[in-house]
Amino acid sequence: MSGPYGPRPRDAQPHPVHPPIQPPTHPPVGYGGFSQSGEEQQFSGRPIQRPALLTLSLVMIITGSMLLMTELALVWLFVSIARDGLGYSGTDGIFYHMLERFHLQMLKGLAWVGFGFPGAAVVLSFFLLLRRPWPRIAVSLLGAATIVAAAVVLSGHIAWVVPIGVYIAFAVAILWTPDVTIWCRGGDSADRTR
């Protein structure tokens, strides 16, 4: 019998057949196996999903903050342009003083509340994905501080604070539901039955 490179010696053995490669017996990291902290979790056979309420809160925080900053910037830009073309007396004077009052209100602290707090909320909201307890506390404190600061700055127009305050309170409150709490602590859905 000859091989492709000449005759094969009589005592040569055929190539050994290797056994098939066995899959690993432990689950991969992040799929109910070993967490990064080394704590063993029960393997559920599926990825640990982020709770829908956490995703809703993230969307509400980022969307609401970006919309508020964009609207405030556009209104302030409009006010700055419009008041320069108005006179100081008559009908023009009425509109000028209304626009000037808004401009001065922005300079007195409304700009810090309107841009600073939402900007910080957008940055902090991404830390919620770390599955740590501190981002929820930080976002909750920032939400409470935003409502209080808006109420102080807009004390003469508290009706403007109510819808914003309700929106912020809802976005923060759903961060404290049981599913989000379990997920932020690093627990799997299988831990809920324990």
N, C-alpha and C. Protein backbone atom coordinates (compact mmCIF):
# COMPACT_ATOMS: atom_id res chain seq x y z
N MET A 1 0.85 -1.15 0.00
CA MET A 1 0.00 0.00 0.00
C MET A 1 0.90 1.22 0.00
N SER A 2 0.54 2.19 -0.80
CA SER A 2 1.38 3.38 -0.88
C SER A 2 0.57 4.59 -0.49
N GLY A 3 1.28 5.56 0.11
CA GLY A 3 0.64 6.82 0.48
C GLY A 3 0.91 7.86 -0.57
N PRO A 4 0.50 9.07 -0.34
CA PRO A 4 0.70 10.13 -1.35
C PRO A 4 2.17 10.48 -1.53
N TYR A 5 3.04 10.13 -0.56
CA TYR A 5 4.46 10.47 -0.65
C TYR A 5 5.32 9.21 -0.75
N GLY A 6 4.78 8.20 -1.28
CA GLY A 6 5.54 6.98 -1.46
C GLY A 6 4.95 5.85 -0.64
N PRO A 7 5.63 4.70 -0.64
CA PRO A 7 5.07 3.56 0.08
C PRO A 7 5.12 3.79 1.58
N ARG A 8 4.09 3.29 2.25
CA ARG A 8 4.01 3.42 3.69
C ARG A 8 4.62 2.19 4.32
N PRO A 9 5.43 2.39 5.37
CA PRO A 9 6.02 1.23 6.02
C PRO A 9 4.93 0.34 6.60
N ARG A 10 5.24 -0.95 6.70
CA ARG A 10 4.25 -1.92 7.18
C ARG A 10 3.89 -1.73 8.64
N ASP A 11 4.82 -1.21 9.43
CA ASP A 11 4.53 -1.10 10.85
C ASP A 11 3.92 0.26 11.22
N ALA A 12 3.64 1.13 10.26
CA ALA A 12 3.08 2.45 10.55
C ALA A 12 1.63 2.31 10.98
N GLN A 13 1.27 3.03 11.98
CA GLN A 13 -0.10 3.02 12.51
C GLN A 13 -0.89 4.14 11.82
N PRO A 14 -2.16 3.93 11.64
CA PRO A 14 -2.98 5.03 11.08
C PRO A 14 -3.04 6.17 12.10
N HIS A 15 -3.37 7.35 11.62
CA HIS A 15 -3.45 8.51 12.51
C HIS A 15 -4.50 8.25 13.58
N PRO A 16 -4.14 8.58 14.84
CA PRO A 16 -5.13 8.34 15.90
C PRO A 16 -6.30 9.30 15.76
N VAL A 17 -7.44 8.83 16.14
CA VAL A 17 -8.65 9.64 16.12
C VAL A 17 -8.77 10.33 17.48
N HIS A 18 -8.81 11.66 17.45
CA HIS A 18 -8.91 12.42 18.69
C HIS A 18 -10.38 12.46 19.13
N PRO A 19 -10.59 12.38 20.44
CA PRO A 19 -11.98 12.49 20.91
C PRO A 19 -12.51 13.90 20.65
N PRO A 20 -13.81 14.04 20.47
CA PRO A 20 -14.37 15.37 20.21
C PRO A 20 -14.14 16.30 21.41
N ILE A 21 -14.00 17.57 21.13
CA ILE A 21 -13.78 18.55 22.19
C ILE A 21 -15.09 18.74 22.96
N GLN A 22 -14.98 18.62 24.26
CA GLN A 22 -16.16 18.76 25.12
C GLN A 22 -16.38 20.23 25.45
N PRO A 23 -17.64 20.68 25.49
CA PRO A 23 -17.90 22.07 25.87
C PRO A 23 -17.58 22.27 27.35
N PRO A 24 -17.28 23.50 27.75
CA PRO A 24 -16.98 23.74 29.16
C PRO A 24 -18.19 23.45 30.04
N THR A 25 -17.91 23.00 31.25
CA THR A 25 -19.01 22.65 32.15
C THR A 25 -19.49 23.83 32.97
N HIS A 26 -18.74 24.92 33.00
CA HIS A 26 -19.20 26.09 33.75
C HIS A 26 -19.76 27.13 32.77
N PRO A 27 -20.75 27.89 33.21
CA PRO A 27 -21.34 28.91 32.33
C PRO A 27 -20.40 30.08 32.16
N PRO A 28 -20.50 30.79 31.04
CA PRO A 28 -19.63 31.94 30.82
C PRO A 28 -19.96 33.08 31.78
N VAL A 29 -19.01 33.99 31.95
CA VAL A 29 -19.20 35.13 32.85
C VAL A 29 -20.33 36.00 32.32
N GLY A 30 -21.20 36.44 33.22
CA GLY A 30 -22.30 37.32 32.84
C GLY A 30 -23.54 36.58 32.41
N TYR A 31 -23.51 35.28 32.38
CA TYR A 31 -24.68 34.50 32.00
C TYR A 31 -25.13 33.63 33.16
N GLY A 32 -25.11 34.20 34.34
CA GLY A 32 -25.55 33.46 35.51
C GLY A 32 -24.45 32.65 36.14
N GLY A 33 -23.24 32.77 35.65
CA GLY A 33 -22.13 31.99 36.20
C GLY A 33 -21.44 32.75 37.29
N PHE A 34 -20.17 33.04 37.09
CA PHE A 34 -19.40 33.76 38.09
C PHE A 34 -19.42 35.24 37.76
N SER A 35 -19.82 36.05 38.71
CA SER A 35 -19.80 37.49 38.51
C SER A 35 -18.37 37.98 38.63
N GLN A 36 -18.16 39.24 38.29
CA GLN A 36 -16.81 39.79 38.34
C GLN A 36 -16.31 39.86 39.77
N SER A 37 -17.21 39.89 40.75
CA SER A 37 -16.76 39.93 42.13
C SER A 37 -16.43 38.54 42.66
N GLY A 38 -16.64 37.49 41.86
CA GLY A 38 -16.28 36.14 42.25
C GLY A 38 -17.40 35.40 42.97
N GLU A 39 -18.54 36.05 43.14
CA GLU A 39 -19.64 35.37 43.82
C GLU A 39 -20.33 34.43 42.84
N GLU A 40 -20.63 33.24 43.29
CA GLU A 40 -21.26 32.27 42.42
C GLU A 40 -22.76 32.52 42.39
N GLN A 41 -23.33 32.49 41.20
CA GLN A 41 -24.77 32.64 41.04
C GLN A 41 -25.31 31.38 40.39
N GLN A 42 -26.58 31.17 40.57
CA GLN A 42 -27.21 29.99 39.98
C GLN A 42 -27.32 30.20 38.48
N PHE A 43 -26.95 29.19 37.71
CA PHE A 43 -26.98 29.29 36.26
C PHE A 43 -28.41 29.11 35.76
N SER A 44 -28.90 30.13 35.07
CA SER A 44 -30.27 30.07 34.57
C SER A 44 -30.32 29.72 33.10
N GLY A 45 -29.18 29.66 32.42
CA GLY A 45 -29.16 29.28 31.02
C GLY A 45 -29.47 30.41 30.07
N ARG A 46 -29.68 31.62 30.55
CA ARG A 46 -29.97 32.76 29.70
C ARG A 46 -29.29 34.00 30.27
N PRO A 47 -29.07 35.02 29.43
CA PRO A 47 -28.40 36.22 29.91
C PRO A 47 -29.24 36.93 30.97
N ILE A 48 -28.56 37.63 31.87
CA ILE A 48 -29.24 38.43 32.86
C ILE A 48 -29.71 39.69 32.17
N GLN A 49 -31.01 39.87 32.11
CA GLN A 49 -31.54 41.02 31.39
C GLN A 49 -31.68 42.22 32.30
N ARG A 50 -31.45 43.38 31.71
CA ARG A 50 -31.67 44.63 32.43
C ARG A 50 -33.17 44.84 32.57
N PRO A 51 -33.65 45.22 33.75
CA PRO A 51 -35.09 45.42 33.93
C PRO A 51 -35.63 46.52 33.01
N ALA A 52 -36.84 46.33 32.56
CA ALA A 52 -37.46 47.30 31.65
C ALA A 52 -37.64 48.65 32.31
N LEU A 53 -37.92 48.66 33.62
CA LEU A 53 -38.11 49.93 34.30
C LEU A 53 -36.81 50.73 34.41
N LEU A 54 -35.69 50.05 34.50
CA LEU A 54 -34.41 50.75 34.49
C LEU A 54 -34.18 51.40 33.13
N THR A 55 -34.47 50.66 32.07
CA THR A 55 -34.34 51.21 30.72
C THR A 55 -35.28 52.39 30.53
N LEU A 56 -36.52 52.27 31.04
CA LEU A 56 -37.46 53.38 30.95
C LEU A 56 -36.94 54.61 31.67
N SER A 57 -36.38 54.41 32.87
CA SER A 57 -35.84 55.53 33.62
C SER A 57 -34.67 56.17 32.88
N LEU A 58 -33.77 55.36 32.32
CA LEU A 58 -32.66 55.90 31.54
C LEU A 58 -33.14 56.74 30.36
N VAL A 59 -34.12 56.22 29.64
CA VAL A 59 -34.65 56.95 28.49
C VAL A 59 -35.30 58.25 28.94
N MET A 60 -36.06 58.19 30.03
CA MET A 60 -36.72 59.40 30.53
C MET A 60 -35.70 60.44 30.98
N ILE A 61 -34.69 60.01 31.70
CA ILE A 61 -33.68 60.96 32.21
C ILE A 61 -32.93 61.60 31.05
N ILE A 62 -32.43 60.79 30.13
CA ILE A 62 -31.62 61.34 29.04
C ILE A 62 -32.47 62.19 28.10
N THR A 63 -33.64 61.67 27.71
CA THR A 63 -34.50 62.41 26.77
C THR A 63 -35.01 63.69 27.40
N GLY A 64 -35.52 63.60 28.63
CA GLY A 64 -36.04 64.80 29.28
C GLY A 64 -34.96 65.85 29.51
N SER A 65 -33.78 65.42 29.92
CA SER A 65 -32.69 66.37 30.17
C SER A 65 -32.24 67.04 28.88
N MET A 66 -32.08 66.25 27.83
CA MET A 66 -31.63 66.83 26.56
C MET A 66 -32.69 67.77 25.98
N LEU A 67 -33.97 67.39 26.09
CA LEU A 67 -35.03 68.26 25.59
C LEU A 67 -35.09 69.57 26.37
N LEU A 68 -34.97 69.47 27.69
CA LEU A 68 -35.02 70.67 28.51
C LEU A 68 -33.87 71.62 28.17
N MET A 69 -32.67 71.08 28.05
CA MET A 69 -31.52 71.93 27.72
C MET A 69 -31.66 72.54 26.33
N THR A 70 -32.15 71.75 25.37
CA THR A 70 -32.31 72.26 24.01
C THR A 70 -33.38 73.34 23.94
N GLU A 71 -34.53 73.09 24.58
CA GLU A 71 -35.60 74.09 24.56
C GLU A 71 -35.16 75.38 25.26
N LEU A 72 -34.51 75.24 26.39
CA LEU A 72 -34.06 76.42 27.13
C LEU A 72 -33.04 77.22 26.32
N ALA A 73 -32.14 76.52 25.65
CA ALA A 73 -31.14 77.21 24.83
C ALA A 73 -31.80 77.94 23.65
N LEU A 74 -32.78 77.29 23.01
CA LEU A 74 -33.46 77.93 21.88
C LEU A 74 -34.28 79.14 22.33
N VAL A 75 -34.98 79.02 23.46
CA VAL A 75 -35.77 80.15 23.96
C VAL A 75 -34.86 81.30 24.35
N TRP A 76 -33.76 81.00 25.03
CA TRP A 76 -32.83 82.06 25.43
C TRP A 76 -32.22 82.74 24.21
N LEU A 77 -31.89 81.95 23.20
CA LEU A 77 -31.35 82.54 21.97
C LEU A 77 -32.38 83.43 21.30
N PHE A 78 -33.64 82.97 21.25
CA PHE A 78 -34.71 83.77 20.66
C PHE A 78 -34.90 85.07 21.43
N VAL A 79 -34.91 84.98 22.77
CA VAL A 79 -35.08 86.17 23.61
C VAL A 79 -33.94 87.15 23.39
N SER A 80 -32.72 86.64 23.32
CA SER A 80 -31.56 87.53 23.13
C SER A 80 -31.62 88.25 21.80
N ILE A 81 -32.07 87.57 20.76
CA ILE A 81 -32.15 88.19 19.44
C ILE A 81 -33.35 89.14 19.37
N ALA A 82 -34.49 88.72 19.91
CA ALA A 82 -35.71 89.51 19.79
C ALA A 82 -35.65 90.81 20.59
N ARG A 83 -35.06 90.80 21.76
CA ARG A 83 -35.07 92.02 22.59
C ARG A 83 -34.15 93.09 22.03
N ASP A 84 -33.15 92.71 21.24
CA ASP A 84 -32.25 93.72 20.66
C ASP A 84 -32.96 94.58 19.62
N GLY A 85 -34.00 94.07 19.00
CA GLY A 85 -34.70 94.82 17.96
C GLY A 85 -35.91 95.60 18.47
N LEU A 86 -36.16 95.57 19.76
CA LEU A 86 -37.34 96.24 20.31
C LEU A 86 -36.96 97.57 20.93
N GLY A 87 -37.93 98.49 20.93
CA GLY A 87 -37.73 99.78 21.58
C GLY A 87 -38.04 99.68 23.07
N TYR A 88 -37.83 100.79 23.77
CA TYR A 88 -38.02 100.79 25.21
C TYR A 88 -39.38 101.35 25.64
N SER A 89 -40.19 101.82 24.72
CA SER A 89 -41.47 102.42 25.09
C SER A 89 -42.57 101.87 24.19
N GLY A 90 -43.81 102.11 24.62
CA GLY A 90 -44.97 101.66 23.86
C GLY A 90 -45.12 100.15 23.90
N THR A 91 -45.68 99.61 22.83
CA THR A 91 -45.88 98.16 22.74
C THR A 91 -44.55 97.42 22.71
N ASP A 92 -43.59 98.01 22.00
CA ASP A 92 -42.26 97.40 21.98
C ASP A 92 -41.67 97.33 23.38
N GLY A 93 -41.89 98.34 24.18
CA GLY A 93 -41.35 98.36 25.53
C GLY A 93 -41.94 97.27 26.41
N ILE A 94 -43.22 96.95 26.22
CA ILE A 94 -43.86 95.87 27.00
C ILE A 94 -43.17 94.55 26.70
N PHE A 95 -42.99 94.26 25.40
CA PHE A 95 -42.35 93.00 25.03
C PHE A 95 -40.87 92.98 25.43
N TYR A 96 -40.23 94.15 25.31
CA TYR A 96 -38.82 94.22 25.68
C TYR A 96 -38.64 93.88 27.16
N HIS A 97 -39.48 94.45 28.02
CA HIS A 97 -39.32 94.21 29.45
C HIS A 97 -39.67 92.77 29.83
N MET A 98 -40.60 92.15 29.11
CA MET A 98 -40.90 90.72 29.35
C MET A 98 -39.69 89.87 28.98
N LEU A 99 -39.11 90.14 27.83
CA LEU A 99 -37.95 89.36 27.40
C LEU A 99 -36.73 89.64 28.26
N GLU A 100 -36.58 90.89 28.68
CA GLU A 100 -35.45 91.25 29.54
C GLU A 100 -35.57 90.58 30.90
N ARG A 101 -36.80 90.46 31.41
CA ARG A 101 -36.99 89.79 32.71
C ARG A 101 -36.60 88.32 32.61
N PHE A 102 -36.95 87.65 31.49
CA PHE A 102 -36.53 86.26 31.31
C PHE A 102 -35.01 86.15 31.23
N HIS A 103 -34.40 87.07 30.51
CA HIS A 103 -32.94 87.06 30.37
C HIS A 103 -32.27 87.24 31.74
N LEU A 104 -32.77 88.16 32.53
CA LEU A 104 -32.19 88.39 33.85
C LEU A 104 -32.44 87.19 34.77
N GLN A 105 -33.59 86.55 34.62
CA GLN A 105 -33.88 85.34 35.42
C GLN A 105 -32.89 84.22 35.09
N MET A 106 -32.54 84.10 33.82
CA MET A 106 -31.54 83.10 33.42
C MET A 106 -30.19 83.42 34.04
N LEU A 107 -29.81 84.69 34.06
CA LEU A 107 -28.53 85.07 34.62
C LEU A 107 -28.49 84.95 36.13
N LYS A 108 -29.64 85.02 36.79
CA LYS A 108 -29.69 84.94 38.25
C LYS A 108 -29.63 83.51 38.78
N GLY A 109 -29.65 82.53 37.94
CA GLY A 109 -29.54 81.16 38.43
C GLY A 109 -30.33 80.14 37.67
N LEU A 110 -31.28 80.58 36.85
CA LEU A 110 -32.08 79.61 36.09
C LEU A 110 -31.22 78.86 35.08
N ALA A 111 -30.17 79.51 34.56
CA ALA A 111 -29.29 78.82 33.61
C ALA A 111 -28.54 77.68 34.28
N TRP A 112 -28.12 77.88 35.54
CA TRP A 112 -27.43 76.80 36.25
C TRP A 112 -28.36 75.63 36.49
N VAL A 113 -29.60 75.92 36.85
CA VAL A 113 -30.57 74.85 37.07
C VAL A 113 -30.95 74.20 35.74
N GLY A 114 -31.17 75.01 34.72
CA GLY A 114 -31.65 74.51 33.44
C GLY A 114 -30.63 73.77 32.61
N PHE A 115 -29.35 74.07 32.82
CA PHE A 115 -28.30 73.40 32.05
C PHE A 115 -27.43 72.49 32.91
N GLY A 116 -27.11 72.93 34.12
CA GLY A 116 -26.20 72.17 34.97
C GLY A 116 -26.79 70.87 35.49
N PHE A 117 -27.98 70.96 36.06
CA PHE A 117 -28.60 69.75 36.62
C PHE A 117 -28.94 68.72 35.54
N PRO A 118 -29.57 69.11 34.42
CA PRO A 118 -29.83 68.10 33.38
C PRO A 118 -28.55 67.51 32.78
N GLY A 119 -27.52 68.35 32.61
CA GLY A 119 -26.25 67.82 32.09
C GLY A 119 -25.64 66.79 33.02
N ALA A 120 -25.68 67.08 34.33
CA ALA A 120 -25.18 66.11 35.30
C ALA A 120 -26.03 64.84 35.32
N ALA A 121 -27.34 64.99 35.11
CA ALA A 121 -28.23 63.82 35.08
C ALA A 121 -27.92 62.91 33.90
N VAL A 122 -27.61 63.50 32.76
CA VAL A 122 -27.27 62.69 31.58
C VAL A 122 -26.00 61.89 31.86
N VAL A 123 -25.00 62.54 32.43
CA VAL A 123 -23.74 61.85 32.71
C VAL A 123 -23.95 60.75 33.75
N LEU A 124 -24.65 61.07 34.83
CA LEU A 124 -24.86 60.08 35.90
C LEU A 124 -25.72 58.91 35.46
N SER A 125 -26.65 59.15 34.53
CA SER A 125 -27.55 58.06 34.13
C SER A 125 -26.79 56.92 33.47
N PHE A 126 -25.68 57.20 32.80
CA PHE A 126 -24.92 56.12 32.18
C PHE A 126 -24.25 55.23 33.22
N PHE A 127 -23.99 55.76 34.40
CA PHE A 127 -23.41 54.95 35.46
C PHE A 127 -24.41 53.95 36.04
N LEU A 128 -25.70 54.13 35.76
CA LEU A 128 -26.69 53.16 36.23
C LEU A 128 -26.47 51.78 35.60
N LEU A 129 -25.80 51.73 34.48
CA LEU A 129 -25.55 50.45 33.81
C LEU A 129 -24.43 49.65 34.45
N LEU A 130 -23.76 50.21 35.45
CA LEU A 130 -22.66 49.51 36.12
C LEU A 130 -23.14 48.45 37.11
N ARG A 131 -24.41 48.41 37.41
CA ARG A 131 -24.98 47.46 38.37
C ARG A 131 -24.37 47.67 39.76
N ARG A 132 -24.29 48.92 40.16
CA ARG A 132 -23.82 49.28 41.49
C ARG A 132 -24.92 50.09 42.17
N PRO A 133 -24.96 50.10 43.49
CA PRO A 133 -26.04 50.85 44.16
C PRO A 133 -25.83 52.36 44.17
N TRP A 134 -24.59 52.86 44.10
CA TRP A 134 -24.38 54.29 44.25
C TRP A 134 -24.95 55.16 43.15
N PRO A 135 -25.02 54.73 41.87
CA PRO A 135 -25.60 55.62 40.86
C PRO A 135 -27.08 55.92 41.10
N ARG A 136 -27.82 54.95 41.62
CA ARG A 136 -29.24 55.21 41.92
C ARG A 136 -29.37 56.27 42.99
N ILE A 137 -28.52 56.19 44.00
CA ILE A 137 -28.57 57.18 45.07
C ILE A 137 -28.19 58.56 44.53
N ALA A 138 -27.14 58.62 43.71
CA ALA A 138 -26.70 59.90 43.15
C ALA A 138 -27.76 60.51 42.24
N VAL A 139 -28.38 59.70 41.39
CA VAL A 139 -29.42 60.21 40.50
C VAL A 139 -30.64 60.67 41.30
N SER A 140 -30.98 59.94 42.35
CA SER A 140 -32.12 60.32 43.18
C SER A 140 -31.86 61.64 43.90
N LEU A 141 -30.67 61.80 44.46
CA LEU A 141 -30.33 63.05 45.13
C LEU A 141 -30.29 64.22 44.15
N LEU A 142 -29.77 63.97 42.95
CA LEU A 142 -29.73 65.02 41.93
C LEU A 142 -31.14 65.40 41.50
N GLY A 143 -32.03 64.42 41.37
CA GLY A 143 -33.42 64.72 41.02
C GLY A 143 -34.10 65.56 42.08
N ALA A 144 -33.90 65.22 43.35
CA ALA A 144 -34.49 66.00 44.44
C ALA A 144 -33.91 67.41 44.47
N ALA A 145 -32.59 67.53 44.27
CA ALA A 145 -31.96 68.85 44.25
C ALA A 145 -32.45 69.69 43.09
N THR A 146 -32.73 69.06 41.94
CA THR A 146 -33.24 69.79 40.78
C THR A 146 -34.62 70.36 41.07
N ILE A 147 -35.49 69.56 41.68
CA ILE A 147 -36.83 70.03 41.99
C ILE A 147 -36.77 71.19 42.99
N VAL A 148 -35.96 71.06 44.02
CA VAL A 148 -35.85 72.12 45.03
C VAL A 148 -35.25 73.39 44.42
N ALA A 149 -34.19 73.25 43.61
CA ALA A 149 -33.55 74.42 43.00
C ALA A 149 -34.50 75.12 42.03
N ALA A 150 -35.25 74.35 41.25
CA ALA A 150 -36.21 74.95 40.33
C ALA A 150 -37.32 75.67 41.09
N ALA A 151 -37.76 75.10 42.22
CA ALA A 151 -38.79 75.74 43.03
C ALA A 151 -38.29 77.04 43.64
N VAL A 152 -37.01 77.08 44.02
CA VAL A 152 -36.45 78.30 44.60
C VAL A 152 -36.29 79.38 43.53
N VAL A 153 -35.72 79.00 42.37
CA VAL A 153 -35.48 79.98 41.31
C VAL A 153 -36.79 80.47 40.70
N LEU A 154 -37.75 79.57 40.55
CA LEU A 154 -39.04 79.93 39.95
C LEU A 154 -40.13 80.04 41.03
N SER A 155 -39.78 80.62 42.16
CA SER A 155 -40.74 80.69 43.27
C SER A 155 -41.98 81.51 42.91
N GLY A 156 -41.83 82.47 42.01
CA GLY A 156 -42.99 83.26 41.59
C GLY A 156 -43.83 82.56 40.54
N HIS A 157 -43.31 81.50 39.94
CA HIS A 157 -44.02 80.77 38.88
C HIS A 157 -43.97 79.27 39.19
N ILE A 158 -44.51 78.90 40.33
CA ILE A 158 -44.41 77.50 40.79
C ILE A 158 -45.15 76.54 39.86
N ALA A 159 -46.11 77.04 39.09
CA ALA A 159 -46.84 76.17 38.16
C ALA A 159 -45.92 75.59 37.09
N TRP A 160 -44.80 76.26 36.81
CA TRP A 160 -43.84 75.73 35.83
C TRP A 160 -43.05 74.57 36.42
N VAL A 161 -42.92 74.54 37.74
CA VAL A 161 -42.11 73.52 38.39
C VAL A 161 -42.88 72.21 38.53
N VAL A 162 -44.20 72.27 38.65
CA VAL A 162 -45.00 71.08 38.94
C VAL A 162 -44.86 70.00 37.87
N PRO A 163 -45.06 70.28 36.57
CA PRO A 163 -44.91 69.18 35.59
C PRO A 163 -43.50 68.63 35.51
N ILE A 164 -42.51 69.52 35.62
CA ILE A 164 -41.12 69.06 35.59
C ILE A 164 -40.82 68.21 36.82
N GLY A 165 -41.33 68.66 37.99
CA GLY A 165 -41.11 67.91 39.22
C GLY A 165 -41.75 66.53 39.20
N VAL A 166 -42.97 66.44 38.64
CA VAL A 166 -43.64 65.13 38.54
C VAL A 166 -42.87 64.21 37.60
N TYR A 167 -42.39 64.74 36.49
CA TYR A 167 -41.61 63.95 35.52
C TYR A 167 -40.35 63.41 36.18
N ILE A 168 -39.62 64.30 36.88
CA ILE A 168 -38.38 63.88 37.53
C ILE A 168 -38.66 62.85 38.62
N ALA A 169 -39.70 63.10 39.42
CA ALA A 169 -40.04 62.19 40.52
C ALA A 169 -40.40 60.80 39.99
N PHE A 170 -41.12 60.72 38.89
CA PHE A 170 -41.47 59.41 38.33
C PHE A 170 -40.24 58.70 37.79
N ALA A 171 -39.37 59.44 37.08
CA ALA A 171 -38.16 58.83 36.53
C ALA A 171 -37.25 58.29 37.63
N VAL A 172 -37.24 58.96 38.78
CA VAL A 172 -36.40 58.52 39.90
C VAL A 172 -37.08 57.40 40.69
N ALA A 173 -38.40 57.51 40.86
CA ALA A 173 -39.12 56.51 41.67
C ALA A 173 -39.04 55.11 41.08
N ILE A 174 -39.07 54.99 39.75
CA ILE A 174 -39.02 53.65 39.16
C ILE A 174 -37.64 53.02 39.27
N LEU A 175 -36.64 53.81 39.67
CA LEU A 175 -35.33 53.23 39.93
C LEU A 175 -35.30 52.42 41.22
N TRP A 176 -36.32 52.56 42.05
CA TRP A 176 -36.35 51.90 43.36
C TRP A 176 -37.35 50.76 43.41
N THR A 177 -37.77 50.25 42.25
CA THR A 177 -38.65 49.09 42.22
C THR A 177 -37.83 47.83 42.55
N PRO A 178 -38.49 46.75 42.99
CA PRO A 178 -37.74 45.55 43.41
C PRO A 178 -36.86 44.95 42.30
N ASP A 179 -37.35 44.91 41.07
CA ASP A 179 -36.55 44.32 39.98
C ASP A 179 -35.26 45.11 39.75
N VAL A 180 -35.37 46.43 39.76
CA VAL A 180 -34.19 47.26 39.55
C VAL A 180 -33.23 47.12 40.73
N THR A 181 -33.77 47.01 41.93
CA THR A 181 -32.92 46.85 43.12
C THR A 181 -32.12 45.56 43.04
N ILE A 182 -32.79 44.45 42.66
CA ILE A 182 -32.09 43.17 42.53
C ILE A 182 -31.02 43.25 41.45
N TRP A 183 -31.35 43.87 40.32
CA TRP A 183 -30.39 43.96 39.21
C TRP A 183 -29.19 44.81 39.61
N CYS A 184 -29.42 45.91 40.30
CA CYS A 184 -28.31 46.80 40.70
C CYS A 184 -27.40 46.14 41.73
N ARG A 185 -27.93 45.20 42.50
CA ARG A 185 -27.10 44.49 43.47
C ARG A 185 -26.32 43.36 42.83
N GLY A 186 -26.55 43.10 41.55
CA GLY A 186 -25.83 42.03 40.86
C GLY A 186 -26.54 40.70 40.95
N GLY A 187 -27.77 40.66 41.43
CA GLY A 187 -28.51 39.40 41.54
C GLY A 187 -29.15 39.00 40.24
N ASP A 188 -29.34 37.71 40.07
CA ASP A 188 -30.00 37.17 38.89
C ASP A 188 -31.48 37.01 39.18
N SER A 189 -32.26 36.75 38.15
CA SER A 189 -33.69 36.53 38.34
C SER A 189 -33.95 35.28 39.16
N ALA A 190 -32.99 34.34 39.15
CA ALA A 190 -33.17 33.13 39.93
C ALA A 190 -33.08 33.41 41.41
N ASP A 191 -32.44 34.54 41.79
CA ASP A 191 -32.31 34.87 43.21
C ASP A 191 -33.62 35.36 43.82
N ARG A 192 -34.60 35.70 42.99
CA ARG A 192 -35.84 36.25 43.51
C ARG A 192 -36.64 35.21 44.27
N THR A 193 -36.42 33.94 43.94
CA THR A 193 -37.19 32.88 44.60
C THR A 193 -36.61 32.49 45.93
N ARG A 194 -35.42 33.02 46.26
CA ARG A 194 -34.77 32.62 47.50
C ARG A 194 -35.30 33.42 48.66
